[in-house]
């Protein structure tokens, strides 16, 4: 029978064996220890690496890397802590600085697409969305009350640095205004077609033979309303109620229609209280009229009429 005996702390040998007590002591600096831990971690994930699928649950101290695919199944935070940081998409270039805007947090080289049913939200619920093939809502939306006076500014090339060259602005309830940078009278609005207002069609409802331009209800002018061609003036109505006719030869009569002394105009002419205006019915002259054609300074008063050539 052999009896075991203890040979040194933690080591047992029987009577027929020789016992060797070996002490091994390893010393690592903190940097070396970290490198060893990282190597052990990578070796333990060798199977996942071979399948090109890596799951990171923590990091130390601040990793950087290049990935062929990165998926975040919950929240993702990017370019968060450093105010100068940015997110590049489709490039690795530093985003250009835009005058009047400053630095940007995201720089995209390529097209972006918003899926149907979704939109890009900014400001007070303003939306760029896919509704009706693409639409824009400013100042709010159908679930958020509008604020401010939403507008769109246009900057014309060659006009220099401006707040705007033309501004389209919702500056009152149920009102849309268009302003030019040069102030009142500087803006030109060119419409390549007909205009309909107050519910009237811009393309139908005109008298036969009329090409149409503006189809509306009432027209009220604080100034002058004139007609002509290529800059010439055929006739016009001033804001003091006078009508000025040009291009129709009229001559005065001494007959007062109201007195019962009815004058007669020559054949081929017509009678009118307003020189230059042909009326098949009765009319009222108002306070007076003047003609720009012969006679050059014809002044009439209510009740007197003129004869004009057709």
C-alpha atoms as a PDB file:
ATOM      1  CA  UNK A   1       0.000   0.000   0.000  1.00  0.00           C
ATOM      2  CA  UNK A   2       1.335   3.426  -0.944  1.00  0.00           C
ATOM      3  CA  UNK A   3       0.627   6.474   1.101  1.00  0.00           C
ATOM      4  CA  UNK A   4       0.305   9.909  -0.400  1.00  0.00           C
ATOM      5  CA  UNK A   5       2.145  12.829   1.036  1.00  0.00           C
ATOM      6  CA  UNK A   6       1.906  16.534   0.544  1.00  0.00           C
ATOM      7  CA  UNK A   7       4.849  18.177  -1.186  1.00  0.00           C
ATOM      8  CA  UNK A   8       4.355  21.934  -1.018  1.00  0.00           C
ATOM      9  CA  UNK A   9       1.190  23.944  -0.868  1.00  0.00           C
ATOM     10  CA  UNK A  10      -1.539  22.512  -3.109  1.00  0.00           C
ATOM     11  CA  UNK A  11       0.576  19.636  -4.529  1.00  0.00           C
ATOM     12  CA  UNK A  12       0.201  15.927  -3.550  1.00  0.00           C
ATOM     13  CA  UNK A  13       2.424  12.985  -4.514  1.00  0.00           C
ATOM     14  CA  UNK A  14       2.503   9.355  -3.484  1.00  0.00           C
ATOM     15  CA  UNK A  15       5.550   7.704  -2.028  1.00  0.00           C
ATOM     16  CA  UNK A  16       6.885   6.346  -5.332  1.00  0.00           C
ATOM     17  CA  UNK A  17       6.757   9.710  -7.283  1.00  0.00           C
ATOM     18  CA  UNK A  18       9.074  12.592  -7.443  1.00  0.00           C
ATOM     19  CA  UNK A  19       7.342  15.901  -6.972  1.00  0.00           C
ATOM     20  CA  UNK A  20       8.343  19.145  -8.667  1.00  0.00           C
ATOM     21  CA  UNK A  21       6.770  22.377  -7.476  1.00  0.00           C
ATOM     22  CA  UNK A  22       6.832  25.048 -10.293  1.00  0.00           C
ATOM     23  CA  UNK A  23       5.728  28.679  -9.707  1.00  0.00           C
ATOM     24  CA  UNK A  24       4.941  30.820 -12.847  1.00  0.00           C
ATOM     25  CA  UNK A  25       4.293  34.546 -12.412  1.00  0.00           C
ATOM     26  CA  UNK A  26       3.245  36.793 -15.388  1.00  0.00           C
ATOM     27  CA  UNK A  27       3.360  40.587 -15.385  1.00  0.00           C
ATOM     28  CA  UNK A  28       1.409  42.714 -17.992  1.00  0.00           C
ATOM     29  CA  UNK A  29       1.204  46.459 -18.396  1.00  0.00           C
ATOM     30  CA  UNK A  30      -2.361  47.903 -18.752  1.00  0.00           C
ATOM     31  CA  UNK A  31      -1.836  48.524 -22.473  1.00  0.00           C
ATOM     32  CA  UNK A  32      -0.630  44.959 -23.038  1.00  0.00           C
ATOM     33  CA  UNK A  33      -3.549  43.586 -21.055  1.00  0.00           C
ATOM     34  CA  UNK A  34      -6.035  45.510 -23.189  1.00  0.00           C
ATOM     35  CA  UNK A  35      -4.421  44.230 -26.388  1.00  0.00           C
ATOM     36  CA  UNK A  36      -4.574  40.665 -25.085  1.00  0.00           C
ATOM     37  CA  UNK A  37      -8.253  41.026 -24.156  1.00  0.00           C
ATOM     38  CA  UNK A  38      -9.095  42.417 -27.612  1.00  0.00           C
ATOM     39  CA  UNK A  39      -7.234  39.557 -29.294  1.00  0.00           C
ATOM     40  CA  UNK A  40      -9.072  37.036 -27.155  1.00  0.00           C
ATOM     41  CA  UNK A  41     -12.397  38.678 -28.044  1.00  0.00           C
ATOM     42  CA  UNK A  42     -11.663  38.549 -31.782  1.00  0.00           C
ATOM     43  CA  UNK A  43     -10.566  34.915 -31.584  1.00  0.00           C
ATOM     44  CA  UNK A  44     -13.743  34.016 -29.713  1.00  0.00           C
ATOM     45  CA  UNK A  45     -15.778  35.633 -32.553  1.00  0.00           C
ATOM     46  CA  UNK A  46     -13.890  33.923 -35.364  1.00  0.00           C
ATOM     47  CA  UNK A  47     -16.970  31.946 -36.413  1.00  0.00           C
ATOM     48  CA  UNK A  48     -19.068  35.120 -36.701  1.00  0.00           C
ATOM     49  CA  UNK A  49     -16.321  36.932 -38.569  1.00  0.00           C
ATOM     50  CA  UNK A  50     -16.140  34.133 -41.121  1.00  0.00           C
ATOM     51  CA  UNK A  51     -19.838  34.674 -41.841  1.00  0.00           C
ATOM     52  CA  UNK A  52     -19.352  38.492 -42.208  1.00  0.00           C
ATOM     53  CA  UNK A  53     -21.798  39.101 -39.362  1.00  0.00           C
ATOM     54  CA  UNK A  54     -20.557  40.956 -36.308  1.00  0.00           C
ATOM     55  CA  UNK A  55     -22.623  41.933 -33.290  1.00  0.00           C
ATOM     56  CA  UNK A  56     -21.187  44.668 -31.069  1.00  0.00           C
ATOM     57  CA  UNK A  57     -22.801  45.038 -27.674  1.00  0.00           C
ATOM     58  CA  UNK A  58     -20.225  47.356 -26.107  1.00  0.00           C
ATOM     59  CA  UNK A  59     -17.035  49.181 -26.961  1.00  0.00           C
ATOM     60  CA  UNK A  60     -13.955  50.563 -25.357  1.00  0.00           C
ATOM     61  CA  UNK A  61     -12.594  53.170 -25.536  1.00  0.00           C
ATOM     62  CA  UNK A  62     -13.844  54.664 -28.895  1.00  0.00           C
ATOM     63  CA  UNK A  63     -13.726  52.401 -31.932  1.00  0.00           C
ATOM     64  CA  UNK A  64     -13.668  53.304 -35.597  1.00  0.00           C
ATOM     65  CA  UNK A  65     -14.127  50.949 -38.450  1.00  0.00           C
ATOM     66  CA  UNK A  66     -15.338  50.293 -41.974  1.00  0.00           C
ATOM     67  CA  UNK A  67     -18.449  48.181 -42.435  1.00  0.00           C
ATOM     68  CA  UNK A  68     -20.106  46.794 -45.531  1.00  0.00           C
ATOM     69  CA  UNK A  69     -23.458  46.841 -43.754  1.00  0.00           C
ATOM     70  CA  UNK A  70     -24.598  48.373 -40.489  1.00  0.00           C
ATOM     71  CA  UNK A  71     -28.053  47.728 -39.026  1.00  0.00           C
ATOM     72  CA  UNK A  72     -29.497  49.382 -35.938  1.00  0.00           C
ATOM     73  CA  UNK A  73     -32.651  47.627 -34.729  1.00  0.00           C
ATOM     74  CA  UNK A  74     -33.420  50.399 -32.240  1.00  0.00           C
ATOM     75  CA  UNK A  75     -32.169  53.965 -31.779  1.00  0.00           C
ATOM     76  CA  UNK A  76     -29.062  55.138 -33.652  1.00  0.00           C
ATOM     77  CA  UNK A  77     -27.132  58.279 -32.678  1.00  0.00           C
ATOM     78  CA  UNK A  78     -24.619  59.771 -35.107  1.00  0.00           C
ATOM     79  CA  UNK A  79     -22.446  62.907 -35.158  1.00  0.00           C
ATOM     80  CA  UNK A  80     -23.804  63.686 -31.696  1.00  0.00           C
ATOM     81  CA  UNK A  81     -21.123  64.903 -29.308  1.00  0.00           C
ATOM     82  CA  UNK A  82     -18.875  67.070 -31.477  1.00  0.00           C
ATOM     83  CA  UNK A  83     -20.552  70.222 -32.888  1.00  0.00           C
ATOM     84  CA  UNK A  84     -18.204  70.066 -35.879  1.00  0.00           C
ATOM     85  CA  UNK A  85     -18.999  66.425 -36.666  1.00  0.00           C
ATOM     86  CA  UNK A  86     -21.109  65.460 -39.675  1.00  0.00           C
ATOM     87  CA  UNK A  87     -22.635  62.515 -41.476  1.00  0.00           C
ATOM     88  CA  UNK A  88     -21.634  61.758 -45.064  1.00  0.00           C
ATOM     89  CA  UNK A  89     -23.799  59.691 -47.398  1.00  0.00           C
ATOM     90  CA  UNK A  90     -22.384  58.644 -50.746  1.00  0.00           C
ATOM     91  CA  UNK A  91     -19.052  60.373 -50.145  1.00  0.00           C
ATOM     92  CA  UNK A  92     -16.276  60.852 -47.600  1.00  0.00           C
ATOM     93  CA  UNK A  93     -15.745  64.546 -48.373  1.00  0.00           C
ATOM     94  CA  UNK A  94     -16.051  67.347 -45.844  1.00  0.00           C
ATOM     95  CA  UNK A  95     -19.419  69.065 -46.425  1.00  0.00           C
ATOM     96  CA  UNK A  96     -19.059  72.470 -48.102  1.00  0.00           C
ATOM     97  CA  UNK A  97     -20.001  75.526 -46.075  1.00  0.00           C
ATOM     98  CA  UNK A  98     -22.923  77.477 -47.559  1.00  0.00           C
ATOM     99  CA  UNK A  99     -22.895  81.251 -47.120  1.00  0.00           C
ATOM    100  CA  UNK A 100     -25.868  82.338 -45.033  1.00  0.00           C
ATOM    101  CA  UNK A 101     -26.371  78.792 -43.733  1.00  0.00           C
ATOM    102  CA  UNK A 102     -23.030  77.728 -42.247  1.00  0.00           C
ATOM    103  CA  UNK A 103     -21.889  74.184 -41.634  1.00  0.00           C
ATOM    104  CA  UNK A 104     -24.238  71.265 -42.173  1.00  0.00           C
ATOM    105  CA  UNK A 105     -24.621  68.036 -40.209  1.00  0.00           C
ATOM    106  CA  UNK A 106     -25.431  65.775 -43.160  1.00  0.00           C
ATOM    107  CA  UNK A 107     -23.964  65.842 -46.659  1.00  0.00           C
ATOM    108  CA  UNK A 108     -25.508  63.634 -49.339  1.00  0.00           C
ATOM    109  CA  UNK A 109     -24.060  62.926 -52.769  1.00  0.00           C
ATOM    110  CA  UNK A 110     -26.851  61.223 -54.690  1.00  0.00           C
ATOM    111  CA  UNK A 111     -30.629  61.260 -54.888  1.00  0.00           C
ATOM    112  CA  UNK A 112     -32.874  60.912 -51.865  1.00  0.00           C
ATOM    113  CA  UNK A 113     -36.343  59.380 -51.908  1.00  0.00           C
ATOM    114  CA  UNK A 114     -39.175  59.558 -49.380  1.00  0.00           C
ATOM    115  CA  UNK A 115     -41.425  56.510 -49.461  1.00  0.00           C
ATOM    116  CA  UNK A 116     -45.079  56.999 -50.369  1.00  0.00           C
ATOM    117  CA  UNK A 117     -47.171  57.919 -47.360  1.00  0.00           C
ATOM    118  CA  UNK A 118     -44.310  59.667 -45.537  1.00  0.00           C
ATOM    119  CA  UNK A 119     -42.693  63.086 -45.566  1.00  0.00           C
ATOM    120  CA  UNK A 120     -39.860  65.308 -44.418  1.00  0.00           C
ATOM    121  CA  UNK A 121     -40.947  67.401 -41.418  1.00  0.00           C
ATOM    122  CA  UNK A 122     -39.368  70.741 -40.514  1.00  0.00           C
ATOM    123  CA  UNK A 123     -40.262  73.888 -38.597  1.00  0.00           C
ATOM    124  CA  UNK A 124     -43.773  73.951 -37.121  1.00  0.00           C
ATOM    125  CA  UNK A 125     -44.934  70.746 -38.769  1.00  0.00           C
ATOM    126  CA  UNK A 126     -44.192  71.955 -42.308  1.00  0.00           C
ATOM    127  CA  UNK A 127     -44.016  69.036 -44.713  1.00  0.00           C
ATOM    128  CA  UNK A 128     -42.452  67.901 -47.942  1.00  0.00           C
ATOM    129  CA  UNK A 129     -44.523  64.821 -48.632  1.00  0.00           C
ATOM    130  CA  UNK A 130     -45.610  62.336 -51.275  1.00  0.00           C
ATOM    131  CA  UNK A 131     -49.329  63.243 -51.230  1.00  0.00           C
ATOM    132  CA  UNK A 132     -50.775  63.677 -54.756  1.00  0.00           C
ATOM    133  CA  UNK A 133     -47.428  62.727 -56.251  1.00  0.00           C
ATOM    134  CA  UNK A 134     -45.567  65.371 -54.210  1.00  0.00           C
ATOM    135  CA  UNK A 135     -46.759  68.352 -52.166  1.00  0.00           C
ATOM    136  CA  UNK A 136     -45.479  71.093 -49.863  1.00  0.00           C
ATOM    137  CA  UNK A 137     -47.120  72.409 -46.702  1.00  0.00           C
ATOM    138  CA  UNK A 138     -45.712  75.522 -45.003  1.00  0.00           C
ATOM    139  CA  UNK A 139     -46.375  77.029 -41.573  1.00  0.00           C
ATOM    140  CA  UNK A 140     -48.179  73.933 -40.272  1.00  0.00           C
ATOM    141  CA  UNK A 141     -50.215  71.021 -41.590  1.00  0.00           C
ATOM    142  CA  UNK A 142     -53.720  69.571 -41.391  1.00  0.00           C
ATOM    143  CA  UNK A 143     -53.053  68.526 -37.790  1.00  0.00           C
ATOM    144  CA  UNK A 144     -50.922  71.460 -36.599  1.00  0.00           C
ATOM    145  CA  UNK A 145     -52.158  75.057 -36.496  1.00  0.00           C
ATOM    146  CA  UNK A 146     -50.112  77.402 -38.671  1.00  0.00           C
ATOM    147  CA  UNK A 147     -47.831  80.069 -37.245  1.00  0.00           C
ATOM    148  CA  UNK A 148     -46.190  83.134 -38.735  1.00  0.00           C
ATOM    149  CA  UNK A 149     -46.457  84.198 -42.374  1.00  0.00           C
ATOM    150  CA  UNK A 150     -45.054  81.333 -44.479  1.00  0.00           C
ATOM    151  CA  UNK A 151     -43.332  82.325 -47.711  1.00  0.00           C
ATOM    152  CA  UNK A 152     -41.173  81.124 -50.588  1.00  0.00           C
ATOM    153  CA  UNK A 153     -38.253  83.304 -51.735  1.00  0.00           C
ATOM    154  CA  UNK A 154     -36.754  83.285 -55.228  1.00  0.00           C
ATOM    155  CA  UNK A 155     -33.250  84.608 -55.969  1.00  0.00           C
ATOM    156  CA  UNK A 156     -32.646  85.556 -59.584  1.00  0.00           C
ATOM    157  CA  UNK A 157     -29.209  84.893 -61.047  1.00  0.00           C
ATOM    158  CA  UNK A 158     -27.159  88.031 -61.590  1.00  0.00           C
ATOM    159  CA  UNK A 159     -29.221  90.171 -59.191  1.00  0.00           C
ATOM    160  CA  UNK A 160     -26.596  89.939 -56.437  1.00  0.00           C
ATOM    161  CA  UNK A 161     -27.104  89.109 -52.771  1.00  0.00           C
ATOM    162  CA  UNK A 162     -30.694  89.912 -51.748  1.00  0.00           C
ATOM    163  CA  UNK A 163     -33.175  88.920 -49.086  1.00  0.00           C
ATOM    164  CA  UNK A 164     -35.348  87.927 -52.039  1.00  0.00           C
ATOM    165  CA  UNK A 165     -35.864  88.885 -55.665  1.00  0.00           C
ATOM    166  CA  UNK A 166     -39.480  87.683 -55.745  1.00  0.00           C
ATOM    167  CA  UNK A 167     -41.394  86.567 -52.651  1.00  0.00           C
ATOM    168  CA  UNK A 168     -44.604  84.524 -52.629  1.00  0.00           C
ATOM    169  CA  UNK A 169     -46.126  84.970 -49.178  1.00  0.00           C
ATOM    170  CA  UNK A 170     -49.289  84.075 -47.263  1.00  0.00           C
ATOM    171  CA  UNK A 171     -49.403  87.446 -45.454  1.00  0.00           C
ATOM    172  CA  UNK A 172     -53.074  87.521 -44.370  1.00  0.00           C
ATOM    173  CA  UNK A 173     -55.937  85.120 -43.793  1.00  0.00           C
ATOM    174  CA  UNK A 174     -57.056  83.675 -47.162  1.00  0.00           C
ATOM    175  CA  UNK A 175     -54.575  85.919 -48.976  1.00  0.00           C
ATOM    176  CA  UNK A 176     -51.554  85.199 -51.165  1.00  0.00           C
ATOM    177  CA  UNK A 177     -49.286  88.102 -52.163  1.00  0.00           C
ATOM    178  CA  UNK A 178     -46.356  88.404 -54.544  1.00  0.00           C
ATOM    179  CA  UNK A 179     -43.660  91.033 -53.928  1.00  0.00           C
ATOM    180  CA  UNK A 180     -40.568  92.125 -55.840  1.00  0.00           C
ATOM    181  CA  UNK A 181     -37.374  93.320 -54.183  1.00  0.00           C
ATOM    182  CA  UNK A 182     -37.684  96.710 -55.899  1.00  0.00           C
ATOM    183  CA  UNK A 183     -40.885  97.611 -54.045  1.00  0.00           C
ATOM    184  CA  UNK A 184     -44.269  98.687 -55.406  1.00  0.00           C
ATOM    185  CA  UNK A 185     -44.353  98.748 -59.200  1.00  0.00           C
ATOM    186  CA  UNK A 186     -41.118  96.785 -59.613  1.00  0.00           C
ATOM    187  CA  UNK A 187     -42.699  93.336 -59.881  1.00  0.00           C
ATOM    188  CA  UNK A 188     -43.846  91.899 -63.186  1.00  0.00           C
ATOM    189  CA  UNK A 189     -46.160  88.900 -63.347  1.00  0.00           C
ATOM    190  CA  UNK A 190     -46.223  87.136 -66.697  1.00  0.00           C
ATOM    191  CA  UNK A 191     -48.963  84.526 -67.161  1.00  0.00           C
ATOM    192  CA  UNK A 192     -48.691  82.407 -70.288  1.00  0.00           C
ATOM    193  CA  UNK A 193     -52.416  81.800 -70.642  1.00  0.00           C
ATOM    194  CA  UNK A 194     -55.874  82.865 -69.529  1.00  0.00           C
ATOM    195  CA  UNK A 195     -56.939  83.728 -65.989  1.00  0.00           C
ATOM    196  CA  UNK A 196     -60.219  82.888 -64.264  1.00  0.00           C
ATOM    197  CA  UNK A 197     -61.164  84.320 -60.866  1.00  0.00           C
ATOM    198  CA  UNK A 198     -64.093  84.113 -58.432  1.00  0.00           C
ATOM    199  CA  UNK A 199     -64.992  80.642 -59.694  1.00  0.00           C
ATOM    200  CA  UNK A 200     -65.138  81.564 -63.389  1.00  0.00           C
ATOM    201  CA  UNK A 201     -63.454  79.348 -65.962  1.00  0.00           C
ATOM    202  CA  UNK A 202     -60.317  80.766 -67.601  1.00  0.00           C
ATOM    203  CA  UNK A 203     -60.968  78.861 -70.848  1.00  0.00           C
ATOM    204  CA  UNK A 204     -64.726  79.061 -71.416  1.00  0.00           C
ATOM    205  CA  UNK A 205     -67.711  81.372 -71.009  1.00  0.00           C
ATOM    206  CA  UNK A 206     -66.487  84.179 -73.314  1.00  0.00           C
ATOM    207  CA  UNK A 207     -68.583  85.811 -76.064  1.00  0.00           C
ATOM    208  CA  UNK A 208     -68.282  84.289 -79.491  1.00  0.00           C
ATOM    209  CA  UNK A 209     -65.117  85.347 -81.279  1.00  0.00           C
ATOM    210  CA  UNK A 210     -63.361  86.482 -78.099  1.00  0.00           C
ATOM    211  CA  UNK A 211     -60.037  84.849 -77.344  1.00  0.00           C
ATOM    212  CA  UNK A 212     -60.304  85.558 -73.627  1.00  0.00           C
ATOM    213  CA  UNK A 213     -57.745  86.802 -71.165  1.00  0.00           C
ATOM    214  CA  UNK A 214     -59.339  87.405 -67.776  1.00  0.00           C
ATOM    215  CA  UNK A 215     -62.708  85.923 -66.912  1.00  0.00           C
ATOM    216  CA  UNK A 216     -64.020  87.402 -63.684  1.00  0.00           C
ATOM    217  CA  UNK A 217     -66.953  89.243 -62.100  1.00  0.00           C
ATOM    218  CA  UNK A 218     -66.344  92.915 -61.321  1.00  0.00           C
ATOM    219  CA  UNK A 219     -63.300  94.952 -62.353  1.00  0.00           C
ATOM    220  CA  UNK A 220     -62.510  97.985 -60.221  1.00  0.00           C
ATOM    221  CA  UNK A 221     -59.627 100.354 -60.901  1.00  0.00           C
ATOM    222  CA  UNK A 222     -58.179 103.149 -58.753  1.00  0.00           C
ATOM    223  CA  UNK A 223     -56.511 104.506 -61.879  1.00  0.00           C
ATOM    224  CA  UNK A 224     -57.164 104.195 -65.602  1.00  0.00           C
ATOM    225  CA  UNK A 225     -58.591 101.421 -67.774  1.00  0.00           C
ATOM    226  CA  UNK A 226     -57.547 101.602 -71.414  1.00  0.00           C
ATOM    227  CA  UNK A 227     -57.608  99.593 -74.624  1.00  0.00           C
ATOM    228  CA  UNK A 228     -55.280  99.699 -77.599  1.00  0.00           C
ATOM    229  CA  UNK A 229     -52.713  97.683 -79.481  1.00  0.00           C
ATOM    230  CA  UNK A 230     -48.909  97.416 -79.289  1.00  0.00           C
ATOM    231  CA  UNK A 231     -48.591 100.392 -76.972  1.00  0.00           C
ATOM    232  CA  UNK A 232     -51.066 102.641 -78.781  1.00  0.00           C
ATOM    233  CA  UNK A 233     -54.134 103.877 -76.932  1.00  0.00           C
ATOM    234  CA  UNK A 234     -57.518 103.621 -78.654  1.00  0.00           C
ATOM    235  CA  UNK A 235     -59.605 104.776 -75.722  1.00  0.00           C
ATOM    236  CA  UNK A 236     -59.584 104.800 -71.961  1.00  0.00           C
ATOM    237  CA  UNK A 237     -61.620 105.628 -68.875  1.00  0.00           C
ATOM    238  CA  UNK A 238     -59.979 107.742 -66.196  1.00  0.00           C
ATOM    239  CA  UNK A 239     -60.630 107.456 -62.473  1.00  0.00           C
ATOM    240  CA  UNK A 240     -62.569 110.745 -62.520  1.00  0.00           C
ATOM    241  CA  UNK A 241     -65.290 109.143 -64.634  1.00  0.00           C
ATOM    242  CA  UNK A 242     -64.335 110.594 -68.039  1.00  0.00           C
ATOM    243  CA  UNK A 243     -64.111 108.485 -71.152  1.00  0.00           C
ATOM    244  CA  UNK A 244     -61.523 109.427 -73.761  1.00  0.00           C
ATOM    245  CA  UNK A 245     -62.105 108.046 -77.242  1.00  0.00           C
ATOM    246  CA  UNK A 246     -59.529 108.025 -80.005  1.00  0.00           C
ATOM    247  CA  UNK A 247     -59.893 106.771 -83.567  1.00  0.00           C
ATOM    248  CA  UNK A 248     -63.564 107.591 -84.041  1.00  0.00           C
ATOM    249  CA  UNK A 249     -64.464 110.920 -85.665  1.00  0.00           C
ATOM    250  CA  UNK A 250     -67.276 112.655 -83.834  1.00  0.00           C
ATOM    251  CA  UNK A 251     -68.954 116.008 -84.302  1.00  0.00           C
ATOM    252  CA  UNK A 252     -71.168 117.976 -82.007  1.00  0.00           C
ATOM    253  CA  UNK A 253     -74.859 118.618 -82.408  1.00  0.00           C
ATOM    254  CA  UNK A 254     -76.850 121.416 -80.891  1.00  0.00           C
ATOM    255  CA  UNK A 255     -79.755 119.142 -80.114  1.00  0.00           C
ATOM    256  CA  UNK A 256     -80.731 118.491 -76.513  1.00  0.00           C
ATOM    257  CA  UNK A 257     -82.261 115.017 -76.399  1.00  0.00           C
ATOM    258  CA  UNK A 258     -84.045 115.851 -73.180  1.00  0.00           C
ATOM    259  CA  UNK A 259     -85.679 118.992 -74.670  1.00  0.00           C
ATOM    260  CA  UNK A 260     -87.458 117.007 -77.327  1.00  0.00           C
ATOM    261  CA  UNK A 261     -85.466 118.604 -80.152  1.00  0.00           C
ATOM    262  CA  UNK A 262     -84.194 115.386 -81.653  1.00  0.00           C
ATOM    263  CA  UNK A 263     -81.210 115.759 -83.893  1.00  0.00           C
ATOM    264  CA  UNK A 264     -80.446 113.361 -86.697  1.00  0.00           C
ATOM    265  CA  UNK A 265     -76.999 111.951 -87.499  1.00  0.00           C
ATOM    266  CA  UNK A 266     -75.990 111.434 -91.111  1.00  0.00           C
ATOM    267  CA  UNK A 267     -76.211 108.038 -92.746  1.00  0.00           C
ATOM    268  CA  UNK A 268     -73.297 105.757 -91.850  1.00  0.00           C
ATOM    269  CA  UNK A 269     -72.822 107.401 -88.458  1.00  0.00           C
ATOM    270  CA  UNK A 270     -74.309 106.813 -85.046  1.00  0.00           C
ATOM    271  CA  UNK A 271     -75.477 108.957 -82.172  1.00  0.00           C
ATOM    272  CA  UNK A 272     -73.820 108.687 -78.807  1.00  0.00           C
ATOM    273  CA  UNK A 273     -73.412 110.615 -75.619  1.00  0.00           C
ATOM    274  CA  UNK A 274     -69.867 109.237 -75.423  1.00  0.00           C
ATOM    275  CA  UNK A 275     -67.606 109.930 -78.411  1.00  0.00           C
ATOM    276  CA  UNK A 276     -66.012 106.748 -79.632  1.00  0.00           C
ATOM    277  CA  UNK A 277     -68.588 104.491 -77.974  1.00  0.00           C
ATOM    278  CA  UNK A 278     -71.304 102.869 -80.053  1.00  0.00           C
ATOM    279  CA  UNK A 279     -74.449 101.872 -78.213  1.00  0.00           C
ATOM    280  CA  UNK A 280     -77.529 100.303 -79.762  1.00  0.00           C
ATOM    281  CA  UNK A 281     -79.589 101.281 -76.745  1.00  0.00           C
ATOM    282  CA  UNK A 282     -80.018 104.261 -74.475  1.00  0.00           C
ATOM    283  CA  UNK A 283     -77.095 105.437 -72.441  1.00  0.00           C
ATOM    284  CA  UNK A 284     -76.251 108.080 -69.875  1.00  0.00           C
ATOM    285  CA  UNK A 285     -73.278 110.342 -70.401  1.00  0.00           C
ATOM    286  CA  UNK A 286     -72.425 111.172 -66.784  1.00  0.00           C
ATOM    287  CA  UNK A 287     -70.848 114.504 -65.884  1.00  0.00           C
ATOM    288  CA  UNK A 288     -69.137 114.980 -69.231  1.00  0.00           C
ATOM    289  CA  UNK A 289     -66.926 113.495 -71.913  1.00  0.00           C
ATOM    290  CA  UNK A 290     -63.942 114.560 -73.939  1.00  0.00           C
ATOM    291  CA  UNK A 291     -62.720 113.256 -77.294  1.00  0.00           C
ATOM    292  CA  UNK A 292     -59.098 113.031 -78.343  1.00  0.00           C
ATOM    293  CA  UNK A 293     -60.009 113.058 -82.050  1.00  0.00           C
ATOM    294  CA  UNK A 294     -61.809 115.700 -84.108  1.00  0.00           C
ATOM    295  CA  UNK A 295     -63.136 117.892 -82.628  1.00  0.00           C
ATOM    296  CA  UNK A 296     -60.070 117.927 -80.377  1.00  0.00           C
ATOM    297  CA  UNK A 297     -61.694 119.352 -77.273  1.00  0.00           C
ATOM    298  CA  UNK A 298     -65.338 118.369 -77.449  1.00  0.00           C
ATOM    299  CA  UNK A 299     -67.052 118.856 -74.103  1.00  0.00           C
ATOM    300  CA  UNK A 300     -70.591 117.610 -73.592  1.00  0.00           C
ATOM    301  CA  UNK A 301     -73.001 117.537 -70.727  1.00  0.00           C
ATOM    302  CA  UNK A 302     -75.918 115.314 -69.883  1.00  0.00           C
ATOM    303  CA  UNK A 303     -78.628 115.461 -72.547  1.00  0.00           C
ATOM    304  CA  UNK A 304     -76.459 116.543 -75.466  1.00  0.00           C
ATOM    305  CA  UNK A 305     -75.207 113.975 -77.949  1.00  0.00           C
ATOM    306  CA  UNK A 306     -72.673 113.665 -80.745  1.00  0.00           C
ATOM    307  CA  UNK A 307     -72.627 111.930 -84.094  1.00  0.00           C
ATOM    308  CA  UNK A 308     -69.698 109.626 -84.730  1.00  0.00           C
ATOM    309  CA  UNK A 309     -68.547 107.731 -87.797  1.00  0.00           C
ATOM    310  CA  UNK A 310     -68.598 103.961 -87.602  1.00  0.00           C
END
